[in-house]
Amino acid sequence: MLMHKQKIGFVIAITLLVSLISLIGKLGTLISEKRYQREGFAVIQLVDSIYKETGNLPQLLSEFESESGFGPFYERTTDSTFTISFCLGFDDYYMYDSQKHEWYYSP
């Protein structure tokens, strides 16, 4: 009976540990998203300012060239829309779509 209780305690401990690790991962993702959105907002403000002054979206934004290689990256997609992206890894990006006015993950 004692061995059975130890096994149950072990399973509960492992379950709690996995849950804690998952929670920490989600918290880290949330913190990263907020940082990307804050940095991206500066780009959005600059692009909006240029658009209001000239009536055109900029082709490039050298002011925000990424030194780290992770972003933010600005891309004009049409005459009136653009994306801002942050590289999360090999082929994963956290992106802003100006047409939808939303942030999303792109695999």
Protein backbone atom coordinates (compact mmCIF):
# COMPACT_ATOMS: atom_id res chain seq x y z
CA MET A 1 0.00 0.00 0.00
CA LEU A 2 2.86 2.39 0.82
CA MET A 3 4.45 1.74 -2.58
CA HIS A 4 1.14 2.54 -4.30
CA LYS A 5 0.91 5.90 -2.47
CA GLN A 6 4.49 6.70 -3.47
CA LYS A 7 3.67 6.02 -7.12
CA ILE A 8 0.62 8.27 -6.93
CA GLY A 9 2.69 11.00 -5.27
CA PHE A 10 5.34 10.64 -7.97
CA VAL A 11 2.74 10.92 -10.75
CA ILE A 12 1.22 13.99 -9.11
CA ALA A 13 4.65 15.60 -8.71
CA ILE A 14 5.52 14.96 -12.37
CA THR A 15 2.13 16.32 -13.48
CA LEU A 16 2.65 19.48 -11.43
CA LEU A 17 6.17 19.90 -12.80
CA VAL A 18 5.01 19.56 -16.41
CA SER A 19 2.18 22.02 -15.74
CA LEU A 20 4.60 24.51 -14.20
CA ILE A 21 7.00 24.23 -17.12
CA SER A 22 4.11 24.77 -19.54
CA LEU A 23 2.92 27.81 -17.59
CA ILE A 24 6.41 29.32 -17.56
CA GLY A 25 6.66 28.78 -21.32
CA LYS A 26 3.33 30.50 -21.92
CA LEU A 27 4.33 33.40 -19.69
CA GLY A 28 7.60 33.77 -21.62
CA THR A 29 5.68 33.82 -24.90
CA LEU A 30 3.31 36.47 -23.58
CA ILE A 31 6.21 38.65 -22.44
CA SER A 32 7.91 38.26 -25.84
CA GLU A 33 4.70 39.15 -27.67
CA LYS A 34 4.33 42.34 -25.67
CA ARG A 35 7.96 43.31 -26.39
CA TYR A 36 7.52 42.64 -30.12
CA GLN A 37 4.28 44.63 -30.17
CA ARG A 38 5.94 47.54 -28.37
CA GLU A 39 8.87 47.57 -30.81
CA GLY A 40 6.52 47.07 -33.75
CA PHE A 41 4.30 49.93 -32.61
CA ALA A 42 7.22 52.33 -33.10
CA VAL A 43 7.48 51.14 -36.72
CA ILE A 44 3.71 51.43 -37.20
CA GLN A 45 3.78 55.02 -35.92
CA LEU A 46 6.63 55.93 -38.27
CA VAL A 47 4.92 54.33 -41.27
CA ASP A 48 1.62 56.06 -40.44
CA SER A 49 3.44 59.37 -40.09
CA ILE A 50 5.16 58.98 -43.47
CA TYR A 51 1.87 57.92 -45.07
CA LYS A 52 0.05 60.97 -43.68
CA GLU A 53 2.80 63.32 -44.92
CA THR A 54 3.33 61.83 -48.39
CA GLY A 55 0.23 59.79 -49.15
CA ASN A 56 2.48 56.78 -49.82
CA LEU A 57 3.91 53.97 -47.77
CA PRO A 58 7.69 53.90 -47.65
CA GLN A 59 9.45 51.28 -49.77
CA LEU A 60 12.05 50.67 -47.05
CA LEU A 61 12.64 51.77 -43.48
CA SER A 62 16.37 52.01 -42.92
CA GLU A 63 15.75 53.53 -39.47
CA PHE A 64 14.55 50.14 -38.26
CA GLU A 65 17.00 47.80 -39.92
CA SER A 66 17.54 44.95 -37.55
CA GLU A 67 21.06 44.65 -36.21
CA SER A 68 20.20 41.47 -34.34
CA GLY A 69 18.74 39.69 -37.35
CA PHE A 70 15.49 39.04 -35.47
CA GLY A 71 13.51 42.15 -36.37
CA PRO A 72 11.58 44.24 -36.64
CA PHE A 73 11.41 43.80 -40.40
CA TYR A 74 9.17 46.09 -42.45
CA GLU A 75 7.73 44.98 -45.78
CA ARG A 76 5.41 46.96 -48.00
CA THR A 77 2.96 44.39 -49.41
CA THR A 78 0.78 46.69 -51.56
CA ASP A 79 0.50 50.43 -52.15
CA SER A 80 -1.59 50.70 -48.98
CA THR A 81 -0.61 47.73 -46.77
CA PHE A 82 2.48 46.47 -44.99
CA THR A 83 3.69 43.85 -42.58
CA ILE A 84 6.09 44.00 -39.67
CA SER A 85 7.75 40.78 -38.62
CA PHE A 86 10.07 39.38 -35.98
CA CYS A 87 12.02 36.19 -36.62
CA LEU A 88 11.43 33.63 -33.88
CA GLY A 89 13.52 30.85 -35.29
CA PHE A 90 14.34 29.01 -38.49
CA ASP A 91 11.06 29.70 -40.29
CA ASP A 92 8.76 31.08 -37.58
CA TYR A 93 7.68 34.70 -37.41
CA TYR A 94 5.52 36.92 -35.22
CA MET A 95 3.89 39.36 -37.62
CA TYR A 96 1.68 42.42 -37.84
CA ASP A 97 -0.71 42.85 -40.78
CA SER A 98 -1.67 46.49 -41.39
CA GLN A 99 -4.76 45.52 -43.37
CA LYS A 100 -6.21 43.41 -40.54
CA HIS A 101 -4.59 45.48 -37.76
CA GLU A 102 -3.57 42.31 -35.91
CA TRP A 103 -0.57 40.35 -34.74
CA TYR A 104 -0.24 36.64 -35.55
CA TYR A 105 2.22 33.76 -35.79
CA SER A 106 3.39 32.59 -39.18
CA PRO A 107 5.03 29.17 -39.39
